[in-house]
């Protein structure tokens, strides 16, 4: 059986990166804020 692959759309890419990137950015920003509190 041959499976026809459809090209990935721009919307799919944006949603996938948003799904991963937004929590990642939130985690990094919270870590940096907590680290800055240690040096005050």
C-alpha atoms as a PDB file:
ATOM      1  CA  UNK A   1       0.000   0.000   0.000  1.00  0.00           C
ATOM      2  CA  UNK A   2       1.265   3.412  -0.926  1.00  0.00           C
ATOM      3  CA  UNK A   3       0.515   6.319   1.359  1.00  0.00           C
ATOM      4  CA  UNK A   4       0.301   9.709  -0.263  1.00  0.00           C
ATOM      5  CA  UNK A   5       2.036  12.318   1.868  1.00  0.00           C
ATOM      6  CA  UNK A   6       0.529  15.786   1.918  1.00  0.00           C
ATOM      7  CA  UNK A   7       2.820  18.773   2.313  1.00  0.00           C
ATOM      8  CA  UNK A   8       2.790  20.470   5.699  1.00  0.00           C
ATOM      9  CA  UNK A   9       0.923  23.750   5.646  1.00  0.00           C
ATOM     10  CA  UNK A  10       2.171  26.977   7.187  1.00  0.00           C
ATOM     11  CA  UNK A  11      -0.704  26.889   9.671  1.00  0.00           C
ATOM     12  CA  UNK A  12       0.316  23.425  10.855  1.00  0.00           C
ATOM     13  CA  UNK A  13       3.894  24.587  11.353  1.00  0.00           C
ATOM     14  CA  UNK A  14       2.819  27.675  13.294  1.00  0.00           C
ATOM     15  CA  UNK A  15       0.527  25.635  15.535  1.00  0.00           C
ATOM     16  CA  UNK A  16       3.171  22.986  16.173  1.00  0.00           C
ATOM     17  CA  UNK A  17       5.865  25.555  17.047  1.00  0.00           C
ATOM     18  CA  UNK A  18       3.402  27.477  19.205  1.00  0.00           C
ATOM     19  CA  UNK A  19       2.421  24.308  21.052  1.00  0.00           C
ATOM     20  CA  UNK A  20       6.071  23.688  21.936  1.00  0.00           C
ATOM     21  CA  UNK A  21       7.502  27.195  21.983  1.00  0.00           C
ATOM     22  CA  UNK A  22       5.027  29.021  24.214  1.00  0.00           C
ATOM     23  CA  UNK A  23       5.406  26.714  27.254  1.00  0.00           C
ATOM     24  CA  UNK A  24       9.156  26.644  26.653  1.00  0.00           C
ATOM     25  CA  UNK A  25       9.389  30.452  26.692  1.00  0.00           C
ATOM     26  CA  UNK A  26       7.220  30.641  29.801  1.00  0.00           C
ATOM     27  CA  UNK A  27       9.436  28.126  31.586  1.00  0.00           C
ATOM     28  CA  UNK A  28      12.643  29.904  30.621  1.00  0.00           C
ATOM     29  CA  UNK A  29      11.283  33.300  31.672  1.00  0.00           C
ATOM     30  CA  UNK A  30      10.129  31.952  35.054  1.00  0.00           C
ATOM     31  CA  UNK A  31      13.534  30.339  35.605  1.00  0.00           C
ATOM     32  CA  UNK A  32      15.333  33.585  34.798  1.00  0.00           C
ATOM     33  CA  UNK A  33      13.074  35.581  37.116  1.00  0.00           C
ATOM     34  CA  UNK A  34      13.691  33.123  39.942  1.00  0.00           C
ATOM     35  CA  UNK A  35      17.420  33.186  39.305  1.00  0.00           C
ATOM     36  CA  UNK A  36      17.459  37.009  39.408  1.00  0.00           C
ATOM     37  CA  UNK A  37      15.805  36.924  42.835  1.00  0.00           C
ATOM     38  CA  UNK A  38      18.757  34.939  44.167  1.00  0.00           C
ATOM     39  CA  UNK A  39      21.166  37.750  43.302  1.00  0.00           C
ATOM     40  CA  UNK A  40      19.251  40.594  44.910  1.00  0.00           C
END
